[in-house]
């Protein structure tokens, strides 16, 4: 996965390796499996209750005016099924796009052939508000 964190002042996108237990055969499966992995990582962070930031991370977050330590304070673990439903709805509503290499994936049930080492990019779209002059 390609990932750029909010507030990073460096204009870079970091590659983050994801290992799937099941090879996704469609975009729908790719989104579902990715959500499962992310929810699992979130629950692990909840259970650890610890966070350590590097000086570079603190500087990056200071640029946007908020330093968050990554500690999850809620006690209720997220529901995986509900999280997958929310992600599917978000995709259908155009809140994010998915690319395999340089090719945009647009159909949830279209056959997908992933190979080890393929680059997948999720791009969250931001809605802008304001006046048009």
N, C-alpha and C. Protein backbone atom coordinates (compact mmCIF):
# COMPACT_ATOMS: atom_id res chain seq x y z
N UNK A 1 0.84 -1.17 0.00
CA UNK A 1 0.00 0.00 0.00
C UNK A 1 0.88 1.23 0.00
N UNK A 2 0.43 2.23 -0.68
CA UNK A 2 1.07 3.54 -0.59
C UNK A 2 0.31 4.34 0.45
N UNK A 3 1.03 5.01 1.35
CA UNK A 3 0.38 5.72 2.43
C UNK A 3 1.05 7.06 2.68
N UNK A 4 0.24 8.11 2.79
CA UNK A 4 0.73 9.41 3.20
C UNK A 4 -0.08 9.81 4.41
N UNK A 5 0.58 10.10 5.50
CA UNK A 5 -0.12 10.44 6.72
C UNK A 5 -0.46 11.92 6.76
N UNK A 6 -1.58 12.23 7.38
CA UNK A 6 -2.02 13.59 7.55
C UNK A 6 -0.96 14.40 8.28
N UNK A 7 -0.65 15.56 7.76
CA UNK A 7 0.26 16.45 8.43
C UNK A 7 1.72 16.27 8.08
N UNK A 8 2.04 15.30 7.25
CA UNK A 8 3.45 15.13 6.90
C UNK A 8 3.86 16.30 6.02
N UNK A 9 4.90 16.98 6.42
CA UNK A 9 5.33 18.13 5.62
C UNK A 9 6.18 17.69 4.44
N UNK A 10 6.80 16.53 4.58
CA UNK A 10 7.54 16.00 3.43
C UNK A 10 6.55 15.53 2.39
N UNK A 11 6.80 15.84 1.15
CA UNK A 11 5.88 15.47 0.09
C UNK A 11 6.22 14.08 -0.42
N UNK A 12 6.11 13.11 0.48
CA UNK A 12 6.43 11.74 0.10
C UNK A 12 5.28 10.82 0.45
N UNK A 13 5.22 9.72 -0.24
CA UNK A 13 4.25 8.68 0.03
C UNK A 13 5.06 7.45 0.42
N UNK A 14 4.78 6.93 1.60
CA UNK A 14 5.52 5.77 2.09
C UNK A 14 4.84 4.49 1.63
N UNK A 15 5.66 3.50 1.29
CA UNK A 15 5.11 2.19 0.96
C UNK A 15 5.03 1.37 2.24
N UNK A 16 3.85 0.83 2.51
CA UNK A 16 3.61 0.04 3.70
C UNK A 16 3.21 -1.36 3.24
N UNK A 17 3.97 -2.38 3.61
CA UNK A 17 3.62 -3.74 3.16
C UNK A 17 2.39 -4.28 3.88
N UNK A 18 1.48 -4.86 3.13
CA UNK A 18 0.31 -5.54 3.67
C UNK A 18 0.39 -6.99 3.21
N UNK A 19 0.17 -7.91 4.13
CA UNK A 19 0.17 -9.33 3.80
C UNK A 19 -1.24 -9.85 4.01
N UNK A 20 -1.85 -10.33 2.95
CA UNK A 20 -3.22 -10.82 2.99
C UNK A 20 -3.24 -12.33 3.20
N UNK A 21 -4.12 -12.79 4.09
CA UNK A 21 -4.27 -14.23 4.33
C UNK A 21 -4.90 -14.90 3.12
N UNK A 22 -5.78 -14.17 2.44
CA UNK A 22 -6.47 -14.66 1.25
C UNK A 22 -6.19 -13.67 0.13
N UNK A 23 -5.84 -14.15 -1.06
CA UNK A 23 -5.59 -13.25 -2.19
C UNK A 23 -6.94 -12.72 -2.69
N UNK A 24 -7.16 -11.41 -2.62
CA UNK A 24 -8.43 -10.85 -3.08
C UNK A 24 -8.62 -11.07 -4.58
N UNK A 25 -9.83 -11.51 -4.96
CA UNK A 25 -10.12 -11.77 -6.37
C UNK A 25 -10.90 -10.66 -7.04
N UNK A 26 -11.30 -9.65 -6.24
CA UNK A 26 -12.04 -8.51 -6.78
C UNK A 26 -11.74 -7.30 -5.91
N UNK A 27 -12.14 -6.13 -6.40
CA UNK A 27 -11.95 -4.91 -5.62
C UNK A 27 -12.74 -4.99 -4.32
N UNK A 28 -13.94 -5.55 -4.37
CA UNK A 28 -14.76 -5.72 -3.17
C UNK A 28 -13.99 -6.53 -2.11
N UNK A 29 -13.37 -7.63 -2.54
CA UNK A 29 -12.59 -8.47 -1.62
C UNK A 29 -11.34 -7.74 -1.13
N UNK A 30 -10.70 -6.96 -2.01
CA UNK A 30 -9.51 -6.20 -1.63
C UNK A 30 -9.85 -5.19 -0.53
N UNK A 31 -10.94 -4.47 -0.71
CA UNK A 31 -11.36 -3.50 0.30
C UNK A 31 -11.69 -4.21 1.60
N UNK A 32 -12.44 -5.31 1.53
CA UNK A 32 -12.83 -6.05 2.74
C UNK A 32 -11.62 -6.59 3.48
N UNK A 33 -10.68 -7.19 2.77
CA UNK A 33 -9.49 -7.75 3.42
C UNK A 33 -8.61 -6.65 4.01
N UNK A 34 -8.53 -5.51 3.32
CA UNK A 34 -7.74 -4.38 3.83
C UNK A 34 -8.38 -3.83 5.10
N UNK A 35 -9.69 -3.72 5.12
CA UNK A 35 -10.39 -3.25 6.32
C UNK A 35 -10.13 -4.21 7.48
N UNK A 36 -10.20 -5.51 7.21
CA UNK A 36 -9.94 -6.50 8.27
C UNK A 36 -8.55 -6.31 8.87
N UNK A 37 -7.55 -6.12 8.01
CA UNK A 37 -6.18 -5.91 8.50
C UNK A 37 -6.07 -4.62 9.31
N UNK A 38 -6.69 -3.55 8.82
CA UNK A 38 -6.61 -2.27 9.53
C UNK A 38 -7.34 -2.31 10.87
N UNK A 39 -8.49 -2.96 10.92
CA UNK A 39 -9.22 -3.09 12.18
C UNK A 39 -8.40 -3.92 13.16
N UNK A 40 -7.76 -4.96 12.67
CA UNK A 40 -6.91 -5.79 13.52
C UNK A 40 -5.76 -4.98 14.11
N UNK A 41 -5.12 -4.16 13.29
CA UNK A 41 -4.02 -3.31 13.77
C UNK A 41 -4.54 -2.28 14.79
N UNK A 42 -5.73 -1.76 14.55
CA UNK A 42 -6.33 -0.79 15.45
C UNK A 42 -6.59 -1.43 16.82
N UNK A 43 -7.14 -2.64 16.81
CA UNK A 43 -7.43 -3.34 18.06
C UNK A 43 -6.13 -3.66 18.81
N UNK A 44 -5.08 -4.03 18.08
CA UNK A 44 -3.78 -4.26 18.72
C UNK A 44 -3.28 -2.99 19.41
N UNK A 45 -3.42 -1.85 18.75
CA UNK A 45 -3.00 -0.57 19.34
C UNK A 45 -3.85 -0.26 20.57
N UNK A 46 -5.14 -0.59 20.50
CA UNK A 46 -6.02 -0.39 21.65
C UNK A 46 -5.54 -1.20 22.84
N UNK A 47 -5.18 -2.44 22.57
CA UNK A 47 -4.76 -3.35 23.64
C UNK A 47 -3.40 -2.96 24.23
N UNK A 48 -2.52 -2.42 23.41
CA UNK A 48 -1.20 -2.00 23.90
C UNK A 48 -1.30 -0.75 24.76
N UNK A 49 -2.12 0.20 24.32
CA UNK A 49 -2.30 1.44 25.06
C UNK A 49 -1.04 2.26 25.18
N UNK A 50 -0.11 2.09 24.26
CA UNK A 50 1.14 2.83 24.31
C UNK A 50 1.44 3.44 22.95
N UNK A 51 2.18 4.49 22.96
CA UNK A 51 2.60 5.12 21.71
C UNK A 51 3.89 5.88 21.94
N UNK A 52 4.77 5.77 20.99
CA UNK A 52 6.03 6.50 21.04
C UNK A 52 6.22 7.18 19.69
N UNK A 53 6.50 8.47 19.72
CA UNK A 53 6.68 9.23 18.48
C UNK A 53 8.14 9.63 18.33
N UNK A 54 8.59 9.62 17.08
CA UNK A 54 9.93 10.11 16.80
C UNK A 54 9.89 11.64 16.73
N UNK A 55 11.05 12.27 16.77
CA UNK A 55 11.11 13.73 16.65
C UNK A 55 10.55 14.20 15.31
N UNK A 56 10.81 13.44 14.24
CA UNK A 56 10.29 13.81 12.92
C UNK A 56 8.76 13.75 12.91
N UNK A 57 8.17 12.74 13.55
CA UNK A 57 6.71 12.65 13.60
C UNK A 57 6.13 13.82 14.39
N UNK A 58 6.76 14.17 15.48
CA UNK A 58 6.29 15.30 16.29
C UNK A 58 6.36 16.59 15.48
N UNK A 59 7.47 16.80 14.76
CA UNK A 59 7.62 17.99 13.91
C UNK A 59 6.55 18.04 12.82
N UNK A 60 6.30 16.88 12.17
CA UNK A 60 5.29 16.82 11.12
C UNK A 60 3.91 17.20 11.65
N UNK A 61 3.55 16.66 12.80
CA UNK A 61 2.23 16.94 13.37
C UNK A 61 2.14 18.37 13.89
N UNK A 62 3.24 18.91 14.36
CA UNK A 62 3.24 20.29 14.85
C UNK A 62 2.93 21.25 13.70
N UNK A 63 3.30 20.90 12.48
CA UNK A 63 3.02 21.74 11.33
C UNK A 63 1.53 21.94 11.11
N UNK A 64 0.70 20.95 11.49
CA UNK A 64 -0.75 21.10 11.32
C UNK A 64 -1.41 21.54 12.62
N UNK A 65 -0.63 21.71 13.68
CA UNK A 65 -1.15 22.24 14.93
C UNK A 65 -1.75 21.23 15.87
N UNK A 66 -1.52 19.95 15.65
CA UNK A 66 -2.06 18.93 16.54
C UNK A 66 -1.09 17.78 16.64
N UNK A 67 -0.68 17.47 17.85
CA UNK A 67 0.19 16.32 18.06
C UNK A 67 -0.64 15.23 18.72
N UNK A 68 -0.86 14.16 17.99
CA UNK A 68 -1.64 13.02 18.48
C UNK A 68 -0.68 11.86 18.70
N UNK A 69 -0.83 11.20 19.80
CA UNK A 69 0.12 10.16 20.17
C UNK A 69 -0.27 8.77 19.74
N UNK A 70 -1.36 8.62 19.04
CA UNK A 70 -1.74 7.32 18.52
C UNK A 70 -2.33 6.40 19.56
N UNK A 71 -2.59 6.90 20.75
CA UNK A 71 -3.19 6.08 21.78
C UNK A 71 -4.69 6.05 21.54
N UNK A 72 -5.24 4.86 21.60
CA UNK A 72 -6.67 4.70 21.43
C UNK A 72 -7.30 4.69 22.81
N UNK A 73 -8.15 5.68 23.08
CA UNK A 73 -8.72 5.81 24.42
C UNK A 73 -10.07 5.11 24.56
N UNK A 74 -10.75 4.81 23.47
CA UNK A 74 -12.03 4.13 23.54
C UNK A 74 -11.87 2.71 24.04
N UNK A 75 -12.90 2.19 24.67
CA UNK A 75 -12.83 0.83 25.20
C UNK A 75 -13.51 -0.17 24.31
N UNK A 76 -14.35 0.28 23.38
CA UNK A 76 -15.11 -0.61 22.53
C UNK A 76 -14.38 -0.86 21.22
N UNK A 77 -14.12 -2.12 20.92
CA UNK A 77 -13.46 -2.48 19.68
C UNK A 77 -14.43 -2.31 18.51
N UNK A 78 -13.93 -1.88 17.36
CA UNK A 78 -14.81 -1.70 16.20
C UNK A 78 -15.33 -3.04 15.68
N UNK A 79 -16.51 -3.01 15.11
CA UNK A 79 -17.12 -4.19 14.50
C UNK A 79 -16.59 -4.31 13.07
N UNK A 80 -15.97 -5.44 12.76
CA UNK A 80 -15.35 -5.63 11.44
C UNK A 80 -16.39 -5.58 10.33
N UNK A 81 -17.52 -6.26 10.53
CA UNK A 81 -18.56 -6.28 9.51
C UNK A 81 -19.08 -4.89 9.20
N UNK A 82 -19.34 -4.11 10.25
CA UNK A 82 -19.83 -2.74 10.08
C UNK A 82 -18.77 -1.87 9.39
N UNK A 83 -17.50 -2.09 9.75
CA UNK A 83 -16.41 -1.33 9.13
C UNK A 83 -16.31 -1.63 7.64
N UNK A 84 -16.50 -2.88 7.26
CA UNK A 84 -16.47 -3.26 5.84
C UNK A 84 -17.64 -2.61 5.11
N UNK A 85 -18.84 -2.65 5.71
CA UNK A 85 -20.01 -2.00 5.10
C UNK A 85 -19.75 -0.51 4.87
N UNK A 86 -19.18 0.13 5.87
CA UNK A 86 -18.89 1.57 5.78
C UNK A 86 -17.89 1.85 4.66
N UNK A 87 -16.87 1.00 4.54
CA UNK A 87 -15.87 1.18 3.48
C UNK A 87 -16.50 1.00 2.10
N UNK A 88 -17.36 0.00 1.94
CA UNK A 88 -18.02 -0.22 0.65
C UNK A 88 -18.90 0.97 0.28
N UNK A 89 -19.64 1.47 1.25
CA UNK A 89 -20.49 2.64 1.01
C UNK A 89 -19.63 3.85 0.66
N UNK A 90 -18.52 4.02 1.35
CA UNK A 90 -17.60 5.12 1.05
C UNK A 90 -17.07 5.05 -0.37
N UNK A 91 -16.73 3.84 -0.83
CA UNK A 91 -16.26 3.68 -2.20
C UNK A 91 -17.37 4.02 -3.19
N UNK A 92 -18.57 3.48 -2.94
CA UNK A 92 -19.69 3.72 -3.85
C UNK A 92 -20.08 5.19 -3.88
N UNK A 93 -19.89 5.89 -2.77
CA UNK A 93 -20.21 7.32 -2.72
C UNK A 93 -19.08 8.20 -3.25
N UNK A 94 -17.97 7.59 -3.68
CA UNK A 94 -16.88 8.35 -4.26
C UNK A 94 -15.99 9.05 -3.25
N UNK A 95 -15.95 8.56 -2.02
CA UNK A 95 -15.12 9.18 -0.99
C UNK A 95 -13.66 8.77 -1.09
N UNK A 96 -13.39 7.66 -1.77
CA UNK A 96 -12.01 7.28 -2.02
C UNK A 96 -11.93 6.50 -3.32
N UNK A 97 -10.73 6.48 -3.88
CA UNK A 97 -10.46 5.74 -5.11
C UNK A 97 -9.33 4.76 -4.86
N UNK A 98 -9.29 3.73 -5.68
CA UNK A 98 -8.28 2.68 -5.50
C UNK A 98 -7.56 2.47 -6.83
N UNK A 99 -6.23 2.37 -6.76
CA UNK A 99 -5.40 2.15 -7.94
C UNK A 99 -4.55 0.91 -7.73
N UNK A 100 -4.43 0.11 -8.77
CA UNK A 100 -3.50 -1.01 -8.81
C UNK A 100 -2.43 -0.59 -9.79
N UNK A 101 -1.25 -0.27 -9.26
CA UNK A 101 -0.22 0.35 -10.09
C UNK A 101 -0.74 1.71 -10.53
N UNK A 102 -0.79 1.94 -11.85
CA UNK A 102 -1.29 3.20 -12.39
C UNK A 102 -2.74 3.10 -12.88
N UNK A 103 -3.36 1.93 -12.69
CA UNK A 103 -4.71 1.69 -13.20
C UNK A 103 -5.75 1.85 -12.10
N UNK A 104 -6.73 2.73 -12.35
CA UNK A 104 -7.79 2.90 -11.36
C UNK A 104 -8.75 1.72 -11.41
N UNK A 105 -9.10 1.21 -10.25
CA UNK A 105 -10.08 0.14 -10.14
C UNK A 105 -11.43 0.78 -9.85
N UNK A 106 -12.41 0.53 -10.73
CA UNK A 106 -13.69 1.23 -10.60
C UNK A 106 -14.88 0.32 -10.33
N UNK A 107 -14.76 -0.95 -10.63
CA UNK A 107 -15.87 -1.89 -10.47
C UNK A 107 -15.61 -2.83 -9.31
N UNK A 108 -16.52 -2.83 -8.34
CA UNK A 108 -16.31 -3.64 -7.13
C UNK A 108 -16.18 -5.13 -7.41
N UNK A 109 -16.93 -5.65 -8.40
CA UNK A 109 -16.94 -7.10 -8.62
C UNK A 109 -16.15 -7.55 -9.83
N UNK A 110 -15.42 -6.62 -10.46
CA UNK A 110 -14.58 -7.00 -11.60
C UNK A 110 -13.44 -7.89 -11.11
N UNK A 111 -13.10 -8.90 -11.91
CA UNK A 111 -12.03 -9.83 -11.53
C UNK A 111 -10.71 -9.07 -11.39
N UNK A 112 -9.98 -9.42 -10.35
CA UNK A 112 -8.74 -8.73 -10.02
C UNK A 112 -7.65 -9.77 -9.85
N UNK A 113 -6.50 -9.54 -10.47
CA UNK A 113 -5.39 -10.48 -10.34
C UNK A 113 -4.21 -9.76 -9.69
N UNK A 114 -4.08 -9.98 -8.39
CA UNK A 114 -2.97 -9.38 -7.64
C UNK A 114 -1.79 -10.33 -7.61
N UNK A 115 -0.62 -9.75 -7.73
CA UNK A 115 0.62 -10.52 -7.63
C UNK A 115 1.41 -9.98 -6.44
N UNK A 116 2.24 -10.81 -5.86
CA UNK A 116 3.08 -10.34 -4.76
C UNK A 116 3.95 -9.18 -5.26
N UNK A 117 3.98 -8.12 -4.49
CA UNK A 117 4.77 -6.95 -4.85
C UNK A 117 3.99 -5.88 -5.60
N UNK A 118 2.73 -6.16 -5.98
CA UNK A 118 1.91 -5.14 -6.64
C UNK A 118 1.71 -3.96 -5.70
N UNK A 119 1.61 -2.77 -6.27
CA UNK A 119 1.39 -1.56 -5.49
C UNK A 119 -0.08 -1.17 -5.59
N UNK A 120 -0.72 -1.05 -4.45
CA UNK A 120 -2.11 -0.62 -4.37
C UNK A 120 -2.14 0.72 -3.65
N UNK A 121 -2.89 1.66 -4.20
CA UNK A 121 -2.99 2.98 -3.59
C UNK A 121 -4.45 3.32 -3.34
N UNK A 122 -4.77 3.66 -2.11
CA UNK A 122 -6.09 4.16 -1.74
C UNK A 122 -5.95 5.67 -1.61
N UNK A 123 -6.78 6.42 -2.30
CA UNK A 123 -6.75 7.87 -2.22
C UNK A 123 -8.07 8.35 -1.64
N UNK A 124 -7.99 8.95 -0.45
CA UNK A 124 -9.19 9.52 0.17
C UNK A 124 -9.39 10.91 -0.41
N UNK A 125 -10.59 11.16 -0.92
CA UNK A 125 -10.90 12.45 -1.51
C UNK A 125 -11.47 13.36 -0.43
N UNK A 126 -11.07 14.60 -0.47
CA UNK A 126 -11.51 15.57 0.51
C UNK A 126 -12.51 16.52 -0.13
N UNK A 127 -13.64 16.67 0.51
CA UNK A 127 -14.65 17.61 0.01
C UNK A 127 -14.24 19.02 0.43
N UNK A 128 -14.28 19.94 -0.50
CA UNK A 128 -13.93 21.32 -0.23
C UNK A 128 -15.21 22.13 -0.05
N UNK A 129 -15.17 23.05 0.87
CA UNK A 129 -16.32 23.92 1.09
C UNK A 129 -15.86 25.36 0.93
N UNK A 130 -16.74 26.20 0.51
CA UNK A 130 -16.39 27.60 0.34
C UNK A 130 -17.26 28.25 -0.70
N UNK A 131 -16.99 29.51 -0.92
CA UNK A 131 -17.78 30.26 -1.89
C UNK A 131 -17.07 30.31 -3.24
N UNK A 132 -17.87 30.34 -4.25
CA UNK A 132 -17.31 30.56 -5.59
C UNK A 132 -17.54 32.02 -5.93
N UNK A 133 -16.55 32.73 -6.31
CA UNK A 133 -16.69 34.15 -6.62
C UNK A 133 -16.98 34.35 -8.06
